[in-house]
Amino acid sequence: MNNSQKLLIIGLGKMGGSLLEGLISEKLPNIEISVIEPHLNEINKDLVIKNTNHYSSVDKINSFDFDIIIFAVKPQIVKEVCEQILLLSNGKHFSIISILAGTKIKTFDRFFKNYPIIRTMPNLAASEGSSVTALYGNSFIDNDFKLLTENIFSKIGEYFWINSEDDIDIITAISGSGPAYYFYLTECLSSIAKEMGLKKIDTNKLAKIVAKGSSDLMMSSSKTANELKENVTSKGGTTEAAFEILEGSQKTFYTLLKSAIKNAVKRSKELSN
């Protein structure tokens, strides 16, 4: 593997932007980062200008000399972007990393036949170095590209390899969308606290601290999430009273969440097709 690698990130939406933030904050060694993003916002503008080579569009690149391209565009425009890159690269081979939801490797393979391609599914916590990323590669990836990809995604959190690309649909619904479920629960706790009379307390901050404390405890403990839940739930106590509602009706919290995740998996499969 070369001492220095040239990396191009195409698209700085929520996921691409989070990935870039994580990579820059961790100072990835021997990697020169370029980005293509037509609409820099006030949040990422300084970050991009100071730390990368920025292009507003593919046609602004004069010379194509990239070793790795990370595709982070919307799935709806990926084919158009692939056509542009294929034309610009003029036959030069490079390695591909995709972080697109619902976009299979075969989508890229139509344009970049026999190229090494790794499909991934990180999440928004990448910007905090706390993402969990699933990785799946085609038969053309070599050990150097595999190690480089691991190095990239280790900078933004944890990663793991999977044996079946179909598993990414489930992983998308669990870890890709997962932060939104936790954010929603935190939002619900905040709103309910306010509705029930806590008018002079910052209920949003209260709910966030509860979320952080619970997360910290869960990560530092050797106990399972269920065991920790049982530790909080005293016989005849307030938590038990709450779970009589959450688990006692026909539509339990578990069954509702399972239905929601199944719907997310279904949508991921629809996007793939």
Protein backbone atom coordinates (compact mmCIF):
# COMPACT_ATOMS: atom_id res chain seq x y z
CA MET A 1 0.00 0.00 0.00
CA ASN A 2 1.25 3.50 -0.80
CA ASN A 3 2.50 5.64 2.06
CA SER A 4 -0.03 8.31 1.17
CA GLN A 5 -3.57 7.76 -0.07
CA LYS A 6 -5.89 10.24 -1.74
CA LEU A 7 -9.46 9.99 -0.49
CA LEU A 8 -12.48 11.64 -2.14
CA ILE A 9 -15.77 11.97 -0.26
CA ILE A 10 -18.74 12.73 -2.51
CA GLY A 11 -21.61 14.28 -0.56
CA LEU A 12 -21.61 16.01 2.82
CA GLY A 13 -25.15 15.42 3.95
CA LYS A 14 -25.86 14.32 7.50
CA MET A 15 -24.01 11.03 7.22
CA GLY A 16 -21.18 12.18 4.96
CA GLY A 17 -20.69 15.27 7.11
CA SER A 18 -20.60 13.20 10.31
CA LEU A 19 -18.03 10.87 8.75
CA LEU A 20 -15.83 13.79 7.67
CA GLU A 21 -16.03 15.41 11.12
CA GLY A 22 -14.95 12.16 12.73
CA LEU A 23 -12.04 11.62 10.33
CA ILE A 24 -10.75 15.17 10.72
CA SER A 25 -11.01 15.17 14.51
CA GLU A 26 -9.06 11.89 14.65
CA LYS A 27 -6.40 13.16 12.19
CA LEU A 28 -6.26 10.13 9.92
CA PRO A 29 -2.54 9.70 9.02
CA ASN A 30 -1.25 9.56 5.43
CA ILE A 31 -4.63 10.41 3.96
CA GLU A 32 -5.25 13.49 1.83
CA ILE A 33 -8.97 14.26 1.90
CA SER A 34 -10.92 15.92 -0.90
CA VAL A 35 -14.67 16.47 -0.94
CA ILE A 36 -17.35 17.20 -3.52
CA GLU A 37 -20.27 19.15 -2.06
CA PRO A 38 -22.18 21.90 -3.88
CA HIS A 39 -23.92 23.29 -0.80
CA LEU A 40 -21.61 23.89 2.14
CA ASN A 41 -23.52 25.07 5.20
CA GLU A 42 -22.33 27.31 8.01
CA ILE A 43 -21.69 24.28 10.21
CA ASN A 44 -19.25 22.46 7.94
CA LYS A 45 -17.91 25.30 5.75
CA ASP A 46 -14.87 26.20 7.89
CA LEU A 47 -14.14 22.53 8.58
CA VAL A 48 -14.09 21.70 4.87
CA ILE A 49 -12.12 24.77 3.72
CA LYS A 50 -9.42 24.35 6.38
CA ASN A 51 -8.97 20.58 6.20
CA THR A 52 -9.79 19.36 2.69
CA ASN A 53 -9.59 20.12 -1.00
CA HIS A 54 -13.11 21.24 -1.80
CA TYR A 55 -14.91 20.97 -5.14
CA SER A 56 -18.45 22.16 -5.74
CA SER A 57 -19.09 19.51 -8.42
CA VAL A 58 -17.43 16.61 -10.22
CA ASP A 59 -16.64 18.69 -13.30
CA LYS A 60 -14.54 21.09 -11.19
CA ILE A 61 -11.88 18.38 -10.76
CA ASN A 62 -9.15 18.90 -13.35
CA SER A 63 -7.10 15.78 -12.72
CA PHE A 64 -8.46 12.49 -11.35
CA ASP A 65 -5.85 10.86 -9.10
CA PHE A 66 -7.87 9.45 -6.22
CA ASP A 67 -7.18 6.07 -4.64
CA ILE A 68 -10.44 5.74 -2.71
CA ILE A 69 -13.87 7.26 -3.26
CA ILE A 70 -16.48 7.33 -0.50
CA PHE A 71 -19.96 7.70 -1.96
CA ALA A 72 -22.20 9.59 0.49
CA VAL A 73 -24.80 11.05 -1.87
CA LYS A 74 -28.54 10.44 -1.81
CA PRO A 75 -29.39 7.00 -3.26
CA GLN A 76 -31.67 8.67 -5.80
CA ILE A 77 -28.73 10.35 -7.59
CA VAL A 78 -26.03 7.70 -7.20
CA LYS A 79 -26.31 6.47 -10.81
CA GLU A 80 -25.87 9.98 -12.17
CA VAL A 81 -22.81 10.51 -9.96
CA CYS A 82 -21.34 7.15 -11.00
CA GLU A 83 -21.66 8.13 -14.65
CA GLN A 84 -19.83 11.40 -13.97
CA ILE A 85 -17.02 9.68 -12.05
CA LEU A 86 -16.69 6.97 -14.71
CA LEU A 87 -16.21 9.63 -17.37
CA LEU A 88 -13.80 11.69 -15.27
CA SER A 89 -11.64 8.74 -14.14
CA ASN A 90 -11.09 7.69 -17.75
CA GLY A 91 -10.34 4.06 -16.94
CA LYS A 92 -8.22 4.64 -13.82
CA HIS A 93 -8.99 2.03 -11.19
CA PHE A 94 -9.76 3.04 -7.61
CA SER A 95 -11.39 1.55 -4.54
CA ILE A 96 -14.98 2.33 -3.57
CA ILE A 97 -16.62 2.70 -0.17
CA SER A 98 -20.37 3.26 -0.05
CA ILE A 99 -22.28 4.57 2.97
CA LEU A 100 -25.57 4.76 1.08
CA ALA A 101 -28.65 3.20 2.66
CA GLY A 102 -30.48 0.70 0.48
CA THR A 103 -27.85 0.70 -2.29
CA LYS A 104 -26.32 -2.66 -3.12
CA ILE A 105 -22.83 -3.29 -4.43
CA LYS A 106 -24.32 -4.37 -7.77
CA THR A 107 -25.43 -0.75 -8.34
CA PHE A 108 -21.78 0.33 -8.42
CA ASP A 109 -20.66 -2.82 -10.21
CA ARG A 110 -22.72 -1.83 -13.26
CA PHE A 111 -20.43 1.17 -13.72
CA PHE A 112 -17.19 -0.04 -12.12
CA LYS A 113 -16.83 -3.67 -13.18
CA ASN A 114 -14.36 -5.68 -11.10
CA TYR A 115 -13.50 -2.70 -8.87
CA PRO A 116 -12.93 -3.35 -5.14
CA ILE A 117 -16.11 -2.20 -3.38
CA ILE A 118 -16.98 -2.12 0.31
CA ARG A 119 -20.50 -1.32 1.41
CA THR A 120 -20.86 0.12 4.90
CA MET A 121 -23.55 1.31 7.29
CA PRO A 122 -22.29 3.75 9.94
CA ASN A 123 -24.51 6.14 11.89
CA LEU A 124 -24.61 9.81 12.88
CA ALA A 125 -22.56 9.20 16.02
CA ALA A 126 -19.53 9.09 13.68
CA SER A 127 -19.03 12.80 14.34
CA GLU A 128 -18.48 11.93 18.04
CA GLY A 129 -16.28 8.91 17.35
CA SER A 130 -19.07 6.64 18.62
CA SER A 131 -20.52 5.09 15.47
CA VAL A 132 -20.94 1.38 14.94
CA THR A 133 -20.29 0.40 11.32
CA ALA A 134 -21.08 -2.80 9.45
CA LEU A 135 -18.71 -3.64 6.57
CA TYR A 136 -19.27 -5.93 3.59
CA GLY A 137 -16.89 -6.28 0.65
CA ASN A 138 -17.03 -7.86 -2.78
CA SER A 139 -14.56 -10.48 -4.01
CA PHE A 140 -12.16 -7.87 -5.45
CA ILE A 141 -11.05 -6.25 -2.19
CA ASP A 142 -7.48 -7.03 -1.12
CA ASN A 143 -5.98 -7.01 2.35
CA ASP A 144 -4.53 -3.49 1.95
CA PHE A 145 -7.93 -2.00 1.09
CA LYS A 146 -9.56 -3.98 3.88
CA LEU A 147 -7.03 -2.68 6.44
CA LEU A 148 -7.37 0.89 5.18
CA THR A 149 -11.16 0.71 5.45
CA GLU A 150 -10.86 -0.66 8.98
CA ASN A 151 -8.49 2.19 9.82
CA ILE A 152 -10.98 4.77 8.50
CA PHE A 153 -13.96 3.38 10.38
CA SER A 154 -12.01 2.68 13.58
CA LYS A 155 -11.48 6.46 13.77
CA ILE A 156 -15.23 7.05 14.07
CA GLY A 157 -16.13 4.23 16.45
CA GLU A 158 -16.48 0.44 16.30
CA TYR A 159 -16.76 -1.67 13.14
CA PHE A 160 -17.50 -5.29 12.27
CA TRP A 161 -17.54 -7.37 9.09
CA ILE A 162 -20.61 -9.28 7.95
CA ASN A 163 -20.83 -12.32 5.65
CA SER A 164 -24.05 -11.46 3.82
CA GLU A 165 -24.94 -8.18 2.13
CA ASP A 166 -28.61 -8.86 2.92
CA ASP A 167 -27.82 -8.40 6.63
CA ILE A 168 -27.22 -4.69 5.97
CA ASP A 169 -30.98 -4.14 5.62
CA ILE A 170 -31.44 -5.26 9.23
CA ILE A 171 -28.35 -3.40 10.43
CA THR A 172 -29.63 -0.23 8.74
CA ALA A 173 -32.86 -0.48 10.73
CA ILE A 174 -31.07 -1.22 14.02
CA SER A 175 -27.83 0.79 14.10
CA GLY A 176 -28.30 3.16 11.17
CA SER A 177 -31.71 4.34 12.36
CA GLY A 178 -31.04 3.39 15.98
CA PRO A 179 -29.91 6.81 17.23
CA ALA A 180 -33.27 8.24 16.11
CA TYR A 181 -35.11 5.77 18.36
CA TYR A 182 -33.07 6.88 21.37
CA PHE A 183 -33.54 10.55 20.44
CA TYR A 184 -37.29 9.95 20.17
CA LEU A 185 -37.47 8.28 23.59
CA THR A 186 -35.51 11.20 25.08
CA GLU A 187 -37.86 13.67 23.39
CA CYS A 188 -40.89 11.79 24.75
CA LEU A 189 -39.53 11.82 28.32
CA SER A 190 -38.86 15.55 28.05
CA SER A 191 -42.30 16.37 26.62
CA ILE A 192 -44.18 14.17 29.11
CA ALA A 193 -42.31 15.68 32.06
CA LYS A 194 -43.31 19.15 30.90
CA GLU A 195 -46.93 18.14 30.27
CA MET A 196 -47.16 16.64 33.76
CA GLY A 197 -46.16 19.88 35.45
CA LEU A 198 -42.38 20.37 35.43
CA LYS A 199 -42.68 23.87 34.00
CA LYS A 200 -39.66 25.51 35.67
CA ILE A 201 -37.19 22.72 34.98
CA ASP A 202 -35.26 22.23 31.75
CA THR A 203 -36.87 18.89 30.95
CA ASN A 204 -34.85 18.51 27.76
CA LYS A 205 -31.61 18.66 29.75
CA LEU A 206 -33.09 16.33 32.37
CA ALA A 207 -33.99 13.72 29.75
CA LYS A 208 -30.58 14.03 28.05
CA ILE A 209 -28.74 13.47 31.34
CA VAL A 210 -30.88 10.39 32.02
CA ALA A 211 -30.02 9.09 28.53
CA LYS A 212 -26.29 9.72 28.99
CA GLY A 213 -26.19 8.21 32.46
CA SER A 214 -28.06 5.12 31.31
CA SER A 215 -25.76 4.74 28.29
CA ASP A 216 -22.60 5.18 30.38
CA LEU A 217 -23.82 2.61 32.91
CA MET A 218 -24.77 0.12 30.21
CA MET A 219 -21.40 0.45 28.44
CA SER A 220 -19.32 0.15 31.62
CA SER A 221 -21.29 -2.73 33.13
CA SER A 222 -20.80 -6.43 32.42
CA LYS A 223 -24.53 -6.94 32.96
CA THR A 224 -27.02 -7.23 30.11
CA ALA A 225 -29.48 -4.44 29.39
CA ASN A 226 -32.27 -6.62 30.79
CA GLU A 227 -30.34 -7.25 34.02
CA LEU A 228 -29.77 -3.51 34.43
CA LYS A 229 -33.47 -2.89 33.83
CA GLU A 230 -34.32 -5.42 36.53
CA ASN A 231 -31.93 -3.64 38.92
CA VAL A 232 -34.02 -0.47 38.53
CA THR A 233 -37.34 -2.31 38.80
CA SER A 234 -38.23 -2.90 42.45
CA LYS A 235 -41.17 -5.14 43.35
CA GLY A 236 -44.24 -2.95 43.83
CA GLY A 237 -42.30 0.19 42.91
CA THR A 238 -42.75 3.01 40.41
CA THR A 239 -40.72 1.43 37.59
CA GLU A 240 -42.73 -1.78 37.86
CA ALA A 241 -45.91 0.29 37.61
CA ALA A 242 -44.61 1.87 34.39
CA PHE A 243 -43.76 -1.53 32.89
CA GLU A 244 -47.24 -2.82 33.67
CA ILE A 245 -48.31 -0.43 30.91
CA LEU A 246 -45.29 -0.89 28.60
CA GLU A 247 -45.44 -4.70 28.74
CA GLY A 248 -48.95 -5.45 29.97
CA SER A 249 -51.13 -4.46 27.01
CA GLN A 250 -51.68 -6.28 23.71
CA LYS A 251 -49.49 -3.80 21.86
CA THR A 252 -46.42 -3.80 24.08
CA PHE A 253 -43.51 -1.43 23.62
CA TYR A 254 -41.51 -4.41 22.31
CA THR A 255 -44.08 -5.38 19.66
CA LEU A 256 -44.48 -1.77 18.51
CA LEU A 257 -40.71 -1.34 18.21
CA LYS A 258 -40.39 -4.66 16.38
CA SER A 259 -43.08 -3.58 13.90
CA ALA A 260 -41.30 -0.25 13.39
CA ILE A 261 -37.96 -1.97 12.73
CA LYS A 262 -39.59 -4.43 10.31
CA ASN A 263 -41.00 -1.46 8.42
CA ALA A 264 -37.54 0.13 8.26
CA VAL A 265 -36.06 -3.14 6.95
CA LYS A 266 -38.81 -3.31 4.33
CA ARG A 267 -38.00 0.23 3.20
CA SER A 268 -34.29 -0.57 2.98
CA LYS A 269 -35.09 -3.54 0.72
CA GLU A 270 -37.35 -1.34 -1.42
CA LEU A 271 -34.52 1.16 -1.88
CA SER A 272 -32.19 -1.69 -2.86
CA ASN A 273 -34.54 -2.74 -5.63
